[in-house]
């Protein structure tokens, strides 16, 4: 299902004719073609490495360890985590490419090895890219039937520096081959975010982004923009089970806060058994870092299923009681967030299939979690 090699070269190329290119494909070399037409076809390019300080790849915690691989866990963890987690780690959910430029145009060339679509999620959300300019959504790109993504955007009609952010696919591995800027365009690092370290989210398909219509509309991405914070998405669809090996991986990250949002996948018994160990693992390395533990939000099926309602309430009680006991024992940096504050019975239209949020539902989730993150991080309250 996934290609064996996700390696890519990275570079910025300048052409005397009309362009600058960021090459991100294996063995990338000068583009060939006429000087007219798509930016990526302009010849005589020159390269710049991935470590160039003018471009930031955010959201991939182990990128420095493996600077040529776009995935969410490093190779050394492959045999420590479950095959399901490892496969899902190839999906760059939450990864962003950030930079500032005065280029009037931006071109993208990428390849998706599996451009199939799930019935309850758009191709853009699973396979595509979102472009944000100066913090505002501009447009998207998605693959054709063969998995090729080619898109050219107009960034501006006036030549001034702008913040550019590209969100990568939520649910598919992708090979980035080229990002193309006009010749002579200025390129610089993006403006620093509010805090130097990311907020790390661990959870299920809901955390990974299922089923947002766009890569920039998962609740983690919405919160990142609203709070002006970096974030790392370690949601694993159907595989967020609180395993010790994953807890060890999460604990390696120096974070502003950890959000444990994995209530959806485990049974009540597994959730009860794994939550204390997961938090203990984090606390060994991060004794004072804020930890937010979310409880279940509302599934419409609960209204007609006594057993499901009992399961959800059991997990809610587990999380609430566990956090209360930790706080009573002296850990004042851990907080329980009731999922009903993120998606309540009155917000059922925020679900696409009765289980996964659509983009409206993710906005509800972000709005419900945001005040708790602000309080944990001592950020100013949101202006009304």
Protein backbone atom coordinates (compact mmCIF):
# COMPACT_ATOMS: atom_id res chain seq x y z
CA UNK A 1 0.00 0.00 0.00
CA UNK A 2 2.86 2.33 0.76
CA UNK A 3 5.98 2.88 -1.37
CA UNK A 4 9.15 1.49 0.14
CA UNK A 5 11.08 4.73 -0.16
CA UNK A 6 9.70 8.14 0.78
CA UNK A 7 13.03 9.88 0.35
CA UNK A 8 13.18 13.17 -1.42
CA UNK A 9 15.72 15.81 -2.23
CA UNK A 10 14.91 19.43 -1.44
CA UNK A 11 16.04 22.54 -3.09
CA UNK A 12 15.41 26.07 -4.21
CA UNK A 13 16.24 26.76 -7.81
CA UNK A 14 16.64 30.05 -9.61
CA UNK A 15 16.37 30.52 -13.33
CA UNK A 16 17.53 33.52 -15.28
CA UNK A 17 14.33 33.10 -17.23
CA UNK A 18 11.57 33.35 -14.64
CA UNK A 19 11.60 31.12 -11.60
CA UNK A 20 12.82 29.72 -8.33
CA UNK A 21 12.01 26.09 -7.51
CA UNK A 22 11.95 24.02 -4.35
CA UNK A 23 12.70 20.49 -5.62
CA UNK A 24 11.49 17.72 -3.34
CA UNK A 25 11.57 14.60 -5.52
CA UNK A 26 14.00 11.68 -5.65
CA UNK A 27 16.93 12.53 -7.87
CA UNK A 28 15.42 15.90 -8.67
CA UNK A 29 17.21 17.86 -11.34
CA UNK A 30 16.64 20.87 -13.55
CA UNK A 31 13.16 21.17 -14.96
CA UNK A 32 12.98 20.94 -18.73
CA UNK A 33 10.58 22.74 -20.99
CA UNK A 34 9.80 26.08 -22.52
CA UNK A 35 10.18 29.26 -20.52
CA UNK A 36 6.44 29.80 -20.98
CA UNK A 37 3.86 27.63 -19.27
CA UNK A 38 3.77 26.16 -15.74
CA UNK A 39 6.48 27.37 -13.39
CA UNK A 40 7.81 23.85 -12.83
CA UNK A 41 8.65 23.46 -16.53
CA UNK A 42 11.07 26.40 -16.64
CA UNK A 43 14.69 25.23 -17.31
CA UNK A 44 18.10 25.93 -15.75
CA UNK A 45 17.30 25.56 -12.06
CA UNK A 46 19.74 25.31 -9.16
CA UNK A 47 19.25 23.45 -5.90
CA UNK A 48 19.12 24.26 -2.20
CA UNK A 49 19.17 21.60 0.51
CA UNK A 50 16.36 20.66 2.89
CA UNK A 51 18.27 22.13 5.82
CA UNK A 52 18.14 25.61 4.31
CA UNK A 53 16.93 27.91 7.05
CA UNK A 54 14.56 29.78 4.73
CA UNK A 55 12.04 26.93 4.66
CA UNK A 56 10.47 25.28 7.69
CA UNK A 57 8.88 21.83 7.71
CA UNK A 58 6.67 21.83 10.80
CA UNK A 59 4.74 19.04 12.45
CA UNK A 60 7.23 16.19 11.97
CA UNK A 61 8.95 15.58 15.30
CA UNK A 62 11.81 13.43 14.00
CA UNK A 63 12.60 15.29 10.78
CA UNK A 64 16.12 16.22 11.96
CA UNK A 65 16.83 12.58 12.68
CA UNK A 66 15.72 11.61 9.18
CA UNK A 67 15.78 14.81 7.13
CA UNK A 68 14.79 13.08 3.90
CA UNK A 69 11.68 11.25 5.11
CA UNK A 70 8.15 12.63 5.42
CA UNK A 71 6.60 10.51 8.14
CA UNK A 72 5.43 10.89 11.71
CA UNK A 73 7.63 8.30 13.44
CA UNK A 74 11.34 7.52 12.91
CA UNK A 75 12.62 4.28 11.38
CA UNK A 76 14.04 3.04 14.70
CA UNK A 77 10.47 2.71 16.04
CA UNK A 78 9.21 0.50 13.23
CA UNK A 79 9.63 -2.74 15.17
CA UNK A 80 8.48 -1.26 18.47
CA UNK A 81 5.02 -0.12 17.44
CA UNK A 82 2.20 -2.13 15.87
CA UNK A 83 2.11 -2.56 12.08
CA UNK A 84 -1.08 -0.48 12.03
CA UNK A 85 0.60 2.44 13.79
CA UNK A 86 3.67 2.19 11.57
CA UNK A 87 1.57 2.20 8.40
CA UNK A 88 -0.41 5.22 9.55
CA UNK A 89 2.81 7.00 10.53
CA UNK A 90 3.55 7.28 6.80
CA UNK A 91 0.63 9.72 6.50
CA UNK A 92 1.98 13.23 7.15
CA UNK A 93 -1.11 14.50 8.95
CA UNK A 94 -0.35 17.85 10.55
CA UNK A 95 2.83 18.44 8.56
CA UNK A 96 3.21 21.92 7.09
CA UNK A 97 5.69 23.68 4.84
CA UNK A 98 6.15 27.30 5.92
CA UNK A 99 8.08 30.21 4.45
CA UNK A 100 7.82 33.87 3.49
CA UNK A 101 8.12 35.07 -0.09
CA UNK A 102 7.26 37.97 -2.36
CA UNK A 103 6.70 35.66 -5.33
CA UNK A 104 3.47 36.37 -7.17
CA UNK A 105 2.99 32.68 -8.01
CA UNK A 106 3.57 29.30 -6.43
CA UNK A 107 3.63 25.95 -8.20
CA UNK A 108 3.39 22.46 -6.71
CA UNK A 109 4.25 19.04 -8.13
CA UNK A 110 3.67 15.97 -5.95
CA UNK A 111 2.84 12.29 -6.29
CA UNK A 112 0.47 10.18 -4.25
CA UNK A 113 1.08 6.41 -4.42
CA UNK A 114 -2.52 5.65 -3.46
CA UNK A 115 -5.05 8.29 -4.42
CA UNK A 116 -8.08 6.20 -3.47
CA UNK A 117 -10.85 7.72 -1.41
CA UNK A 118 -12.82 6.52 1.60
CA UNK A 119 -16.59 6.85 1.29
CA UNK A 120 -16.91 9.33 4.15
CA UNK A 121 -13.99 11.66 3.40
CA UNK A 122 -13.05 13.92 0.50
CA UNK A 123 -10.08 13.29 -1.77
CA UNK A 124 -8.75 16.73 -0.82
CA UNK A 125 -8.71 15.84 2.88
CA UNK A 126 -7.13 12.44 2.37
CA UNK A 127 -4.78 13.09 -0.52
CA UNK A 128 -4.49 16.82 -1.03
CA UNK A 129 -2.73 20.00 0.02
CA UNK A 130 -4.19 23.21 1.44
CA UNK A 131 -2.62 26.58 0.72
CA UNK A 132 -2.89 29.34 3.33
CA UNK A 133 -1.53 32.82 2.64
CA UNK A 134 -1.10 35.24 5.56
CA UNK A 135 -3.12 32.85 7.71
CA UNK A 136 -6.10 32.70 5.37
CA UNK A 137 -7.21 29.73 3.29
CA UNK A 138 -6.53 30.32 -0.40
CA UNK A 139 -7.08 27.05 -2.29
CA UNK A 140 -6.25 23.33 -2.49
CA UNK A 141 -4.58 20.77 -4.74
CA UNK A 142 -5.50 17.11 -5.20
CA UNK A 143 -4.33 14.17 -7.32
CA UNK A 144 -5.57 13.07 -10.70
CA UNK A 145 -6.52 9.46 -11.42
CA UNK A 146 -2.83 8.50 -11.63
CA UNK A 147 -1.94 10.14 -8.33
CA UNK A 148 -0.16 13.15 -9.86
CA UNK A 149 -0.70 16.53 -8.21
CA UNK A 150 0.16 19.62 -10.25
CA UNK A 151 -1.11 23.03 -9.27
CA UNK A 152 -0.11 26.64 -9.76
CA UNK A 153 -1.51 29.35 -7.50
CA UNK A 154 -1.49 33.14 -7.67
CA UNK A 155 -0.25 34.32 -4.28
CA UNK A 156 -0.63 38.03 -4.85
CA UNK A 157 -0.92 40.76 -7.44
CA UNK A 158 1.54 43.02 -5.64
CA UNK A 159 5.12 42.10 -4.77
CA UNK A 160 5.38 42.08 -0.99
CA UNK A 161 6.40 39.47 1.53
CA UNK A 162 3.66 37.05 2.50
CA UNK A 163 3.42 34.10 4.89
CA UNK A 164 2.85 30.86 2.99
CA UNK A 165 1.74 27.61 4.62
CA UNK A 166 1.07 24.34 2.81
CA UNK A 167 -0.77 21.65 4.79
CA UNK A 168 0.09 18.08 3.71
CA UNK A 169 -2.41 15.23 3.31
CA UNK A 170 -4.18 13.83 6.38
CA UNK A 171 -4.50 10.22 5.28
CA UNK A 172 -2.07 9.31 2.52
CA UNK A 173 1.67 9.11 2.04
CA UNK A 174 2.90 11.61 -0.51
CA UNK A 175 6.10 12.40 -2.39
CA UNK A 176 6.77 16.10 -2.72
CA UNK A 177 8.72 16.80 -5.86
CA UNK A 178 8.73 20.53 -6.56
CA UNK A 179 7.60 23.82 -5.12
CA UNK A 180 8.13 26.61 -7.61
CA UNK A 181 8.59 30.33 -7.07
CA UNK A 182 9.28 33.04 -9.59
CA UNK A 183 12.85 33.93 -10.48
CA UNK A 184 14.37 36.49 -8.17
CA UNK A 185 11.64 36.10 -5.56
CA UNK A 186 12.73 36.74 -2.01
CA UNK A 187 12.56 33.76 0.32
CA UNK A 188 12.91 33.85 4.11
CA UNK A 189 11.95 31.99 7.24
CA UNK A 190 8.34 32.31 8.39
CA UNK A 191 7.49 34.58 11.29
CA UNK A 192 8.10 32.78 14.62
CA UNK A 193 5.05 31.36 16.34
CA UNK A 194 3.87 32.31 19.82
CA UNK A 195 5.86 29.53 21.54
CA UNK A 196 9.06 27.76 20.49
CA UNK A 197 7.81 24.22 21.09
CA UNK A 198 4.77 22.37 19.70
CA UNK A 199 1.61 21.10 21.31
CA UNK A 200 1.58 17.32 20.80
CA UNK A 201 -1.73 15.54 20.18
CA UNK A 202 -2.05 11.76 20.57
CA UNK A 203 -5.23 9.94 19.64
CA UNK A 204 -7.38 8.10 17.13
CA UNK A 205 -8.76 8.78 13.65
CA UNK A 206 -10.52 11.82 15.08
CA UNK A 207 -7.15 13.27 16.06
CA UNK A 208 -5.55 12.26 12.75
CA UNK A 209 -8.18 14.30 10.95
CA UNK A 210 -10.97 11.95 9.94
CA UNK A 211 -13.13 13.23 8.37
CA UNK A 212 -12.14 16.84 7.67
CA UNK A 213 -12.83 17.97 4.12
CA UNK A 214 -9.43 19.69 3.95
CA UNK A 215 -5.98 19.07 5.46
CA UNK A 216 -6.14 22.45 7.18
CA UNK A 217 -9.46 21.70 8.89
CA UNK A 218 -8.58 19.01 11.42
CA UNK A 219 -9.15 20.33 14.92
CA UNK A 220 -5.40 20.29 15.58
CA UNK A 221 -4.78 22.51 12.54
CA UNK A 222 -7.61 24.88 13.50
CA UNK A 223 -6.15 25.22 17.00
CA UNK A 224 -2.67 25.78 15.60
CA UNK A 225 -3.89 28.79 13.64
CA UNK A 226 -6.16 30.13 16.36
CA UNK A 227 -3.45 29.96 19.04
CA UNK A 228 -0.54 30.73 16.68
CA UNK A 229 1.19 27.56 17.91
CA UNK A 230 3.14 24.76 16.30
CA UNK A 231 1.57 21.34 16.69
CA UNK A 232 2.40 17.69 16.09
CA UNK A 233 -0.40 15.28 15.17
CA UNK A 234 0.13 11.73 16.39
CA UNK A 235 -3.39 10.50 15.81
CA UNK A 236 -3.50 6.93 14.43
CA UNK A 237 -6.77 5.91 12.83
CA UNK A 238 -8.24 2.89 14.61
CA UNK A 239 -4.91 2.29 16.34
CA UNK A 240 -4.84 4.84 19.16
CA UNK A 241 -4.73 2.28 21.92
CA UNK A 242 -2.32 3.85 24.41
CA UNK A 243 0.48 1.35 23.80
CA UNK A 244 3.62 1.77 25.95
CA UNK A 245 5.88 1.97 22.87
CA UNK A 246 3.85 4.86 21.48
CA UNK A 247 3.90 6.56 24.87
CA UNK A 248 7.70 6.31 24.85
CA UNK A 249 7.78 7.87 21.38
CA UNK A 250 5.50 10.73 22.41
CA UNK A 251 7.63 11.35 25.50
CA UNK A 252 10.70 12.02 23.34
CA UNK A 253 9.19 15.29 22.12
CA UNK A 254 9.89 18.53 23.94
CA UNK A 255 6.42 20.03 24.00
CA UNK A 256 4.52 23.02 25.29
CA UNK A 257 1.70 20.61 26.20
CA UNK A 258 0.46 17.09 25.54
CA UNK A 259 -3.16 16.36 24.62
CA UNK A 260 -4.22 12.73 25.14
CA UNK A 261 -7.33 12.30 23.00
CA UNK A 262 -7.38 8.55 22.45
CA UNK A 263 -10.63 7.57 24.17
CA UNK A 264 -12.35 6.51 20.90
CA UNK A 265 -10.37 3.36 20.04
CA UNK A 266 -9.78 1.28 23.19
CA UNK A 267 -12.41 -0.64 25.10
CA UNK A 268 -13.28 0.82 28.52
CA UNK A 269 -11.02 -1.81 30.11
CA UNK A 270 -8.04 -1.09 27.85
CA UNK A 271 -8.50 2.64 28.33
CA UNK A 272 -8.59 2.23 32.12
CA UNK A 273 -5.46 0.06 32.05
CA UNK A 274 -3.35 2.17 29.67
CA UNK A 275 -4.07 5.77 30.67
CA UNK A 276 -2.07 5.74 33.94
CA UNK A 277 0.97 4.17 32.30
CA UNK A 278 0.85 6.61 29.38
CA UNK A 279 0.83 9.59 31.73
CA UNK A 280 3.54 8.06 33.92
CA UNK A 281 5.75 7.68 30.84
CA UNK A 282 5.26 11.34 29.94
CA UNK A 283 5.87 12.49 33.49
CA UNK A 284 9.23 10.73 33.76
CA UNK A 285 10.64 13.11 31.14
CA UNK A 286 8.24 16.03 31.50
CA UNK A 287 7.30 16.43 35.17
CA UNK A 288 5.75 19.88 34.78
CA UNK A 289 4.57 20.03 31.17
CA UNK A 290 0.78 20.51 30.92
CA UNK A 291 -1.17 17.36 30.02
CA UNK A 292 -4.78 17.57 28.89
CA UNK A 293 -6.82 14.35 28.94
CA UNK A 294 -10.02 14.48 26.91
CA UNK A 295 -13.11 12.40 27.53
CA UNK A 296 -15.62 11.11 24.96
CA UNK A 297 -17.70 13.49 22.93
CA UNK A 298 -21.23 12.63 21.84
CA UNK A 299 -22.12 9.94 19.31
CA UNK A 300 -25.74 10.05 18.04
CA UNK A 301 -25.84 6.25 18.35
CA UNK A 302 -25.63 6.67 22.12
CA UNK A 303 -29.24 7.82 22.13
CA UNK A 304 -30.39 4.42 20.86
CA UNK A 305 -27.77 2.15 22.43
CA UNK A 306 -27.63 1.58 26.16
CA UNK A 307 -24.40 -0.43 25.86
CA UNK A 308 -22.59 2.29 23.89
CA UNK A 309 -23.77 4.95 26.30
CA UNK A 310 -22.48 2.87 29.22
CA UNK A 311 -19.10 2.43 27.50
CA UNK A 312 -18.75 6.12 26.79
CA UNK A 313 -19.72 7.10 30.29
CA UNK A 314 -17.30 4.51 31.68
CA UNK A 315 -14.40 6.03 29.75
CA UNK A 316 -15.47 9.53 30.72
CA UNK A 317 -15.48 8.52 34.39
CA UNK A 318 -12.09 6.81 34.01
CA UNK A 319 -10.49 9.95 32.60
CA UNK A 320 -12.17 12.31 35.06
CA UNK A 321 -11.39 10.21 38.14
CA UNK A 322 -7.82 9.53 37.04
CA UNK A 323 -7.07 13.21 36.52
CA UNK A 324 -8.73 14.14 39.81
CA UNK A 325 -6.58 11.58 41.67
CA UNK A 326 -3.39 12.84 39.98
CA UNK A 327 -4.21 16.42 40.88
CA UNK A 328 -5.00 15.46 44.47
CA UNK A 329 -1.61 13.70 44.62
CA UNK A 330 0.11 16.94 43.59
CA UNK A 331 0.20 16.96 39.77
CA UNK A 332 -1.42 20.33 39.15
CA UNK A 333 -0.37 20.42 35.49
CA UNK A 334 -2.84 17.76 34.37
CA UNK A 335 -6.38 18.68 33.28
CA UNK A 336 -9.50 16.76 32.31
CA UNK A 337 -11.49 18.13 29.38
CA UNK A 338 -14.95 16.65 29.00
CA UNK A 339 -15.51 15.77 25.37
CA UNK A 340 -19.07 17.02 25.65
CA UNK A 341 -17.55 20.51 25.70
CA UNK A 342 -15.99 19.68 22.31
CA UNK A 343 -18.99 18.04 20.62
CA UNK A 344 -22.31 18.01 22.45
CA UNK A 345 -25.71 16.45 21.67
CA UNK A 346 -26.83 19.77 20.15
CA UNK A 347 -23.95 19.61 17.64
CA UNK A 348 -24.72 16.31 15.93
CA UNK A 349 -24.63 17.94 12.48
CA UNK A 350 -20.90 18.21 13.05
CA UNK A 351 -20.52 14.47 12.34
CA UNK A 352 -20.20 12.92 8.91
CA UNK A 353 -21.13 9.32 9.79
CA UNK A 354 -22.32 9.52 13.36
CA UNK A 355 -18.78 8.96 14.62
CA UNK A 356 -16.22 11.18 12.86
CA UNK A 357 -16.41 14.96 12.76
CA UNK A 358 -16.81 16.82 9.51
CA UNK A 359 -15.15 20.21 9.23
CA UNK A 360 -17.95 21.85 11.20
CA UNK A 361 -17.51 19.25 13.92
CA UNK A 362 -13.78 19.89 14.04
CA UNK A 363 -14.46 23.59 14.50
CA UNK A 364 -16.70 22.67 17.45
CA UNK A 365 -13.93 20.44 18.85
CA UNK A 366 -11.34 23.19 18.48
CA UNK A 367 -13.62 25.79 20.07
CA UNK A 368 -14.28 23.50 23.04
CA UNK A 369 -10.65 22.60 23.63
CA UNK A 370 -9.16 26.03 23.02
CA UNK A 371 -9.97 27.69 26.38
CA UNK A 372 -8.45 24.74 28.24
CA UNK A 373 -5.25 24.96 26.19
CA UNK A 374 -5.10 28.71 26.72
CA UNK A 375 -5.41 28.22 30.46
CA UNK A 376 -2.84 25.40 30.56
CA UNK A 377 -0.34 27.45 28.54
CA UNK A 378 -1.22 30.73 30.28
CA UNK A 379 -2.15 32.36 27.02
CA UNK A 380 -4.51 35.37 26.97
CA UNK A 381 -8.19 34.58 26.74
CA UNK A 382 -9.64 34.70 23.24
CA UNK A 383 -11.08 38.05 22.28
CA UNK A 384 -14.80 37.98 21.57
